[in-house]
N, C-alpha and C. Protein backbone atom coordinates (compact mmCIF):
# COMPACT_ATOMS: atom_id res chain seq x y z
N MET A 1 0.83 -1.17 0.00
CA MET A 1 0.00 0.00 0.00
C MET A 1 0.88 1.24 0.00
N LYS A 2 0.64 2.14 -0.91
CA LYS A 2 1.45 3.33 -1.06
C LYS A 2 0.89 4.45 -0.19
N ARG A 3 1.76 5.08 0.59
CA ARG A 3 1.35 6.19 1.44
C ARG A 3 1.72 7.50 0.76
N THR A 4 0.81 8.41 0.77
CA THR A 4 1.11 9.73 0.22
C THR A 4 1.31 10.70 1.37
N VAL A 5 2.27 11.55 1.19
CA VAL A 5 2.58 12.55 2.20
C VAL A 5 1.96 13.87 1.74
N ARG A 6 1.14 14.45 2.60
CA ARG A 6 0.52 15.72 2.25
C ARG A 6 1.52 16.84 2.43
N LYS A 7 1.59 17.69 1.43
CA LYS A 7 2.44 18.86 1.52
C LYS A 7 1.71 19.93 2.30
N PRO A 8 2.45 20.73 3.08
CA PRO A 8 1.80 21.83 3.80
C PRO A 8 1.14 22.80 2.82
N SER A 9 -0.06 23.22 3.15
CA SER A 9 -0.79 24.06 2.21
C SER A 9 -0.75 25.54 2.59
N THR A 10 -0.79 25.86 3.86
CA THR A 10 -0.79 27.27 4.26
C THR A 10 0.63 27.71 4.61
N LEU A 11 0.84 29.00 4.60
CA LEU A 11 2.16 29.53 4.95
C LEU A 11 2.52 29.18 6.39
N LEU A 12 1.55 29.21 7.28
CA LEU A 12 1.80 28.84 8.67
C LEU A 12 2.30 27.41 8.77
N GLN A 13 1.68 26.50 8.03
CA GLN A 13 2.12 25.10 8.05
C GLN A 13 3.51 24.94 7.44
N LYS A 14 3.80 25.72 6.40
CA LYS A 14 5.12 25.65 5.78
C LYS A 14 6.20 26.15 6.74
N VAL A 15 5.92 27.24 7.45
CA VAL A 15 6.89 27.78 8.40
C VAL A 15 7.09 26.80 9.56
N GLU A 16 6.02 26.23 10.08
CA GLU A 16 6.14 25.26 11.16
C GLU A 16 6.92 24.02 10.72
N ALA A 17 6.69 23.57 9.50
CA ALA A 17 7.42 22.42 8.98
C ALA A 17 8.91 22.73 8.87
N ARG A 18 9.23 23.93 8.41
CA ARG A 18 10.64 24.31 8.30
C ARG A 18 11.28 24.45 9.67
N LEU A 19 10.55 25.01 10.63
CA LEU A 19 11.08 25.15 11.99
C LEU A 19 11.40 23.78 12.59
N SER A 20 10.57 22.80 12.33
CA SER A 20 10.80 21.47 12.89
C SER A 20 12.03 20.81 12.27
N ARG A 21 12.37 21.18 11.03
CA ARG A 21 13.54 20.60 10.36
C ARG A 21 14.84 21.34 10.67
N MET A 22 14.75 22.60 11.08
CA MET A 22 15.94 23.42 11.28
C MET A 22 16.67 23.06 12.56
N LYS A 23 18.00 23.07 12.46
CA LYS A 23 18.83 22.85 13.64
C LYS A 23 19.08 24.20 14.31
N GLY A 24 19.42 24.17 15.54
CA GLY A 24 19.67 25.41 16.27
C GLY A 24 18.37 25.97 16.83
N ASP A 25 18.50 26.99 17.64
CA ASP A 25 17.34 27.56 18.32
C ASP A 25 17.09 29.01 17.97
N VAL A 26 17.92 29.61 17.12
CA VAL A 26 17.74 31.01 16.73
C VAL A 26 17.45 31.05 15.24
N PHE A 27 16.43 31.84 14.87
CA PHE A 27 16.01 31.92 13.48
C PHE A 27 15.94 33.37 13.04
N LEU A 28 16.34 33.60 11.81
CA LEU A 28 16.22 34.92 11.21
C LEU A 28 14.94 34.96 10.38
N ARG A 29 14.37 36.12 10.28
CA ARG A 29 13.19 36.28 9.44
C ARG A 29 13.52 35.91 8.00
N ALA A 30 14.76 36.15 7.61
CA ALA A 30 15.20 35.85 6.25
C ALA A 30 15.24 34.36 5.96
N ASP A 31 15.25 33.51 6.99
CA ASP A 31 15.23 32.06 6.79
C ASP A 31 13.95 31.60 6.10
N PHE A 32 12.91 32.42 6.15
CA PHE A 32 11.61 32.05 5.61
C PHE A 32 11.21 32.93 4.43
N SER A 33 12.14 33.73 3.92
CA SER A 33 11.79 34.69 2.88
C SER A 33 11.38 34.03 1.56
N ASP A 34 11.82 32.80 1.32
CA ASP A 34 11.44 32.12 0.09
C ASP A 34 10.03 31.55 0.14
N LEU A 35 9.41 31.55 1.31
CA LEU A 35 8.06 31.00 1.46
C LEU A 35 6.96 32.02 1.18
N GLY A 36 7.27 33.29 1.36
CA GLY A 36 6.26 34.34 1.15
C GLY A 36 6.90 35.71 1.22
N SER A 37 6.07 36.73 1.12
CA SER A 37 6.59 38.09 1.16
C SER A 37 7.01 38.45 2.59
N TYR A 38 7.69 39.58 2.70
CA TYR A 38 8.17 40.07 3.99
C TYR A 38 7.01 40.21 4.97
N GLY A 39 5.93 40.82 4.53
CA GLY A 39 4.77 41.02 5.40
C GLY A 39 4.07 39.73 5.78
N GLN A 40 3.93 38.82 4.83
CA GLN A 40 3.27 37.55 5.11
C GLN A 40 4.06 36.74 6.13
N VAL A 41 5.37 36.69 5.95
CA VAL A 41 6.22 35.95 6.90
C VAL A 41 6.15 36.59 8.28
N GLY A 42 6.12 37.92 8.32
CA GLY A 42 6.01 38.63 9.60
C GLY A 42 4.72 38.31 10.33
N VAL A 43 3.63 38.23 9.60
CA VAL A 43 2.34 37.89 10.21
C VAL A 43 2.38 36.48 10.79
N VAL A 44 2.93 35.54 10.05
CA VAL A 44 2.99 34.14 10.51
C VAL A 44 3.90 34.03 11.73
N LEU A 45 5.05 34.69 11.72
CA LEU A 45 5.94 34.65 12.87
C LEU A 45 5.28 35.29 14.09
N GLY A 46 4.52 36.35 13.88
CA GLY A 46 3.77 36.96 14.97
C GLY A 46 2.74 36.00 15.56
N LYS A 47 2.09 35.23 14.72
CA LYS A 47 1.13 34.23 15.20
C LYS A 47 1.83 33.18 16.05
N LEU A 48 3.01 32.76 15.61
CA LEU A 48 3.76 31.76 16.37
C LEU A 48 4.25 32.31 17.70
N VAL A 49 4.57 33.60 17.73
CA VAL A 49 4.98 34.24 18.99
C VAL A 49 3.78 34.27 19.94
N ARG A 50 2.61 34.67 19.44
CA ARG A 50 1.41 34.72 20.29
C ARG A 50 0.99 33.34 20.76
N ALA A 51 1.26 32.31 19.95
CA ALA A 51 0.92 30.94 20.32
C ALA A 51 1.91 30.36 21.32
N GLY A 52 3.03 31.04 21.55
CA GLY A 52 4.02 30.56 22.53
C GLY A 52 5.02 29.58 21.96
N LYS A 53 5.09 29.44 20.65
CA LYS A 53 6.05 28.52 20.04
C LYS A 53 7.39 29.20 19.76
N LEU A 54 7.36 30.52 19.57
CA LEU A 54 8.56 31.30 19.33
C LEU A 54 8.57 32.51 20.26
N MET A 55 9.76 33.08 20.46
CA MET A 55 9.93 34.34 21.17
C MET A 55 10.75 35.26 20.30
N LYS A 56 10.40 36.53 20.29
CA LYS A 56 11.18 37.51 19.55
C LYS A 56 12.29 38.01 20.47
N ILE A 57 13.54 37.95 19.98
CA ILE A 57 14.67 38.39 20.80
C ILE A 57 15.38 39.59 20.21
N GLY A 58 14.93 40.04 19.06
CA GLY A 58 15.52 41.20 18.41
C GLY A 58 14.83 41.43 17.09
N GLN A 59 15.22 42.48 16.40
CA GLN A 59 14.60 42.78 15.12
C GLN A 59 14.96 41.69 14.12
N GLY A 60 13.96 40.93 13.70
CA GLY A 60 14.16 39.85 12.75
C GLY A 60 14.77 38.61 13.33
N LEU A 61 14.87 38.51 14.66
CA LEU A 61 15.46 37.35 15.34
C LEU A 61 14.42 36.70 16.24
N TYR A 62 14.31 35.40 16.13
CA TYR A 62 13.35 34.63 16.92
C TYR A 62 14.04 33.41 17.49
N THR A 63 13.51 32.87 18.57
CA THR A 63 14.04 31.66 19.17
C THR A 63 12.89 30.73 19.56
N ARG A 64 13.22 29.47 19.68
CA ARG A 64 12.21 28.51 20.14
C ARG A 64 11.82 28.85 21.58
N ALA A 65 10.57 28.58 21.93
CA ALA A 65 10.09 28.91 23.27
C ALA A 65 9.32 27.74 23.85
N LYS A 66 9.19 27.76 25.17
CA LYS A 66 8.42 26.73 25.88
C LYS A 66 7.83 27.37 27.13
N PRO A 67 6.80 26.76 27.70
CA PRO A 67 6.26 27.31 28.95
C PRO A 67 7.18 26.97 30.12
N SER A 68 7.30 27.90 31.05
CA SER A 68 8.11 27.70 32.24
C SER A 68 7.43 26.65 33.14
N ILE A 69 8.24 25.82 33.79
CA ILE A 69 7.67 24.82 34.69
C ILE A 69 7.20 25.44 36.00
N PHE A 70 7.66 26.67 36.29
CA PHE A 70 7.29 27.31 37.54
C PHE A 70 5.95 28.03 37.48
N ASP A 71 5.79 28.89 36.47
CA ASP A 71 4.56 29.68 36.42
C ASP A 71 3.86 29.65 35.07
N GLY A 72 4.39 28.91 34.11
CA GLY A 72 3.72 28.77 32.83
C GLY A 72 3.99 29.89 31.84
N THR A 73 4.77 30.90 32.21
CA THR A 73 5.09 31.96 31.26
C THR A 73 6.00 31.41 30.16
N ILE A 74 6.00 32.05 29.03
CA ILE A 74 6.80 31.59 27.90
C ILE A 74 8.25 32.04 28.10
N ILE A 75 9.17 31.08 27.98
CA ILE A 75 10.60 31.34 28.13
C ILE A 75 11.35 30.68 26.98
N PRO A 76 12.56 31.15 26.66
CA PRO A 76 13.34 30.48 25.61
C PRO A 76 13.86 29.13 26.09
N VAL A 77 14.24 28.28 25.15
CA VAL A 77 14.69 26.94 25.50
C VAL A 77 16.13 26.93 26.02
N LYS A 78 16.89 28.01 25.81
CA LYS A 78 18.27 28.11 26.29
C LYS A 78 18.41 29.30 27.22
N GLY A 79 19.52 29.34 27.94
CA GLY A 79 19.83 30.49 28.77
C GLY A 79 20.17 31.71 27.92
N ILE A 80 20.13 32.87 28.53
CA ILE A 80 20.28 34.11 27.77
C ILE A 80 21.67 34.24 27.14
N THR A 81 22.72 33.83 27.83
CA THR A 81 24.06 33.98 27.28
C THR A 81 24.27 33.07 26.08
N ALA A 82 23.88 31.81 26.20
CA ALA A 82 24.02 30.87 25.09
C ALA A 82 23.14 31.28 23.91
N LEU A 83 21.97 31.76 24.22
CA LEU A 83 21.03 32.18 23.19
C LEU A 83 21.56 33.39 22.41
N MET A 84 22.07 34.38 23.11
CA MET A 84 22.59 35.57 22.45
C MET A 84 23.87 35.28 21.68
N SER A 85 24.70 34.37 22.18
CA SER A 85 25.89 33.98 21.44
C SER A 85 25.51 33.33 20.12
N GLU A 86 24.49 32.47 20.15
CA GLU A 86 24.01 31.82 18.93
C GLU A 86 23.39 32.85 17.98
N ALA A 87 22.67 33.81 18.53
CA ALA A 87 22.06 34.85 17.69
C ALA A 87 23.14 35.69 17.01
N LEU A 88 24.17 36.06 17.75
CA LEU A 88 25.25 36.85 17.17
C LEU A 88 26.01 36.05 16.12
N GLU A 89 26.17 34.76 16.36
CA GLU A 89 26.82 33.90 15.38
C GLU A 89 26.01 33.85 14.09
N ARG A 90 24.68 33.78 14.21
CA ARG A 90 23.81 33.78 13.02
C ARG A 90 23.92 35.09 12.26
N LEU A 91 24.25 36.18 12.96
CA LEU A 91 24.40 37.49 12.33
C LEU A 91 25.82 37.71 11.80
N GLY A 92 26.71 36.74 12.02
CA GLY A 92 28.07 36.85 11.52
C GLY A 92 29.01 37.60 12.43
N ILE A 93 28.68 37.69 13.71
CA ILE A 93 29.51 38.40 14.68
C ILE A 93 30.15 37.38 15.61
N LYS A 94 31.48 37.44 15.72
CA LYS A 94 32.20 36.49 16.58
C LYS A 94 32.10 36.96 18.04
N THR A 95 31.97 35.99 18.94
CA THR A 95 31.88 36.31 20.37
C THR A 95 33.06 35.70 21.11
N GLY A 96 33.31 36.22 22.29
CA GLY A 96 34.39 35.73 23.12
C GLY A 96 34.19 36.19 24.55
N PRO A 97 35.12 35.81 25.43
CA PRO A 97 34.98 36.22 26.83
C PRO A 97 35.25 37.71 27.01
N THR A 98 34.52 38.32 27.94
CA THR A 98 34.70 39.74 28.24
C THR A 98 35.88 39.91 29.19
N SER A 99 36.23 41.14 29.48
CA SER A 99 37.33 41.40 30.42
C SER A 99 36.97 40.89 31.81
N PHE A 100 35.69 40.94 32.19
CA PHE A 100 35.26 40.41 33.48
C PHE A 100 35.38 38.89 33.53
N ASP A 101 35.01 38.23 32.43
CA ASP A 101 35.13 36.78 32.35
C ASP A 101 36.60 36.35 32.47
N ARG A 102 37.46 37.05 31.75
CA ARG A 102 38.90 36.70 31.79
C ARG A 102 39.47 36.92 33.18
N ALA A 103 39.11 38.01 33.84
CA ALA A 103 39.62 38.28 35.19
C ALA A 103 39.16 37.20 36.17
N HIS A 104 37.93 36.76 36.01
CA HIS A 104 37.41 35.72 36.90
C HIS A 104 38.10 34.38 36.63
N MET A 105 38.30 34.05 35.34
CA MET A 105 38.94 32.77 35.00
C MET A 105 40.41 32.74 35.42
N GLU A 106 41.09 33.89 35.36
CA GLU A 106 42.51 33.96 35.72
C GLU A 106 42.72 34.12 37.22
N GLY A 107 41.65 34.27 38.00
CA GLY A 107 41.76 34.40 39.43
C GLY A 107 42.07 35.80 39.91
N ARG A 108 42.00 36.79 39.04
CA ARG A 108 42.26 38.17 39.43
C ARG A 108 41.05 38.81 40.10
N SER A 109 39.90 38.16 40.01
CA SER A 109 38.68 38.70 40.60
C SER A 109 37.86 37.55 41.17
N THR A 110 37.21 37.82 42.29
CA THR A 110 36.32 36.80 42.87
C THR A 110 34.87 37.05 42.49
N GLN A 111 34.61 38.17 41.80
CA GLN A 111 33.25 38.47 41.38
C GLN A 111 32.88 37.60 40.18
N VAL A 112 31.72 36.98 40.26
CA VAL A 112 31.24 36.13 39.17
C VAL A 112 30.53 37.03 38.16
N PRO A 113 30.90 36.93 36.87
CA PRO A 113 30.24 37.76 35.85
C PRO A 113 28.74 37.48 35.80
N SER A 114 27.98 38.52 35.49
CA SER A 114 26.51 38.42 35.53
C SER A 114 25.93 37.66 34.35
N GLY A 115 26.66 37.57 33.25
CA GLY A 115 26.14 36.92 32.06
C GLY A 115 25.32 37.86 31.19
N GLN A 116 25.22 39.13 31.56
CA GLN A 116 24.48 40.10 30.78
C GLN A 116 25.39 40.90 29.84
N LEU A 117 26.65 40.47 29.72
CA LEU A 117 27.63 41.15 28.90
C LEU A 117 28.34 40.11 28.04
N ILE A 118 28.43 40.37 26.74
CA ILE A 118 29.07 39.44 25.81
C ILE A 118 30.17 40.19 25.07
N GLY A 119 31.32 39.54 24.92
CA GLY A 119 32.41 40.12 24.16
C GLY A 119 32.20 39.88 22.68
N VAL A 120 32.35 40.91 21.88
CA VAL A 120 32.14 40.80 20.43
C VAL A 120 33.34 41.38 19.69
N ASP A 121 33.49 41.00 18.42
CA ASP A 121 34.64 41.45 17.65
C ASP A 121 34.41 42.76 16.92
N ARG A 122 33.16 43.22 16.85
CA ARG A 122 32.85 44.49 16.18
C ARG A 122 31.61 45.10 16.80
N ARG A 123 31.28 46.28 16.36
CA ARG A 123 30.14 47.01 16.91
C ARG A 123 28.83 46.28 16.63
N VAL A 124 27.95 46.24 17.63
CA VAL A 124 26.63 45.65 17.49
C VAL A 124 25.62 46.76 17.74
N ARG A 125 24.80 47.05 16.75
CA ARG A 125 23.84 48.15 16.87
C ARG A 125 22.45 47.65 17.22
N ARG A 126 22.26 46.36 17.31
CA ARG A 126 20.94 45.80 17.62
C ARG A 126 20.71 45.72 19.12
N LYS A 127 19.44 45.79 19.49
CA LYS A 127 19.06 45.49 20.86
C LYS A 127 18.63 44.03 20.87
N LEU A 128 19.32 43.24 21.67
CA LEU A 128 18.99 41.82 21.78
C LEU A 128 18.60 41.52 23.22
N GLY A 129 17.53 40.78 23.39
CA GLY A 129 17.08 40.40 24.71
C GLY A 129 15.62 40.01 24.69
N TYR A 130 15.10 39.74 25.87
CA TYR A 130 13.69 39.38 26.01
C TYR A 130 13.24 39.66 27.43
N ASN A 131 11.95 39.90 27.59
CA ASN A 131 11.33 40.15 28.90
C ASN A 131 12.07 41.21 29.70
N GLY A 132 12.54 42.24 29.05
CA GLY A 132 13.21 43.33 29.75
C GLY A 132 14.68 43.12 29.99
N ALA A 133 15.21 41.95 29.73
CA ALA A 133 16.64 41.68 29.90
C ALA A 133 17.34 41.95 28.58
N ILE A 134 18.04 43.07 28.49
CA ILE A 134 18.73 43.47 27.28
C ILE A 134 20.22 43.20 27.46
N MET A 135 20.82 42.55 26.47
CA MET A 135 22.24 42.23 26.53
C MET A 135 23.08 43.47 26.23
N ARG A 136 24.23 43.54 26.86
CA ARG A 136 25.20 44.58 26.58
C ARG A 136 26.40 43.92 25.92
N PHE A 137 27.16 44.70 25.16
CA PHE A 137 28.27 44.14 24.41
C PHE A 137 29.56 44.90 24.72
N GLU A 138 30.66 44.16 24.77
CA GLU A 138 31.97 44.73 25.00
C GLU A 138 32.87 44.31 23.85
N ARG A 139 33.52 45.26 23.24
CA ARG A 139 34.40 44.93 22.13
C ARG A 139 35.71 44.36 22.67
N VAL A 140 36.03 43.14 22.23
CA VAL A 140 37.26 42.48 22.71
C VAL A 140 38.18 42.15 21.56
């Protein structure tokens, strides 16, 4: 018996199918530009954000999301530092340890870095973050 596989018919189904196949947890709006126009893709991504499947972390940047086990609010699947490093990598920006991270690793400081600062190789003009937590960048 031959099984036929139904192709996704709506743009929402096409985007969800592509999300399930994609590796990594950070997505650019441009990843879906071949499926529809800029506005259509934006509407579908907005629906996925409202449904709790994605979170917006910057202009044109989205990440996978899940409900929190504590209170049910929508949170990203990774921690903020790992998530932002992956987002910057997707944008072509190299990351590294900040001066605070290096001082802590070398034993020159006992203060533990907060994780709200990422070392980058060039200027970053985007605001990246979620739920009021905005990342800061240090050029290293």
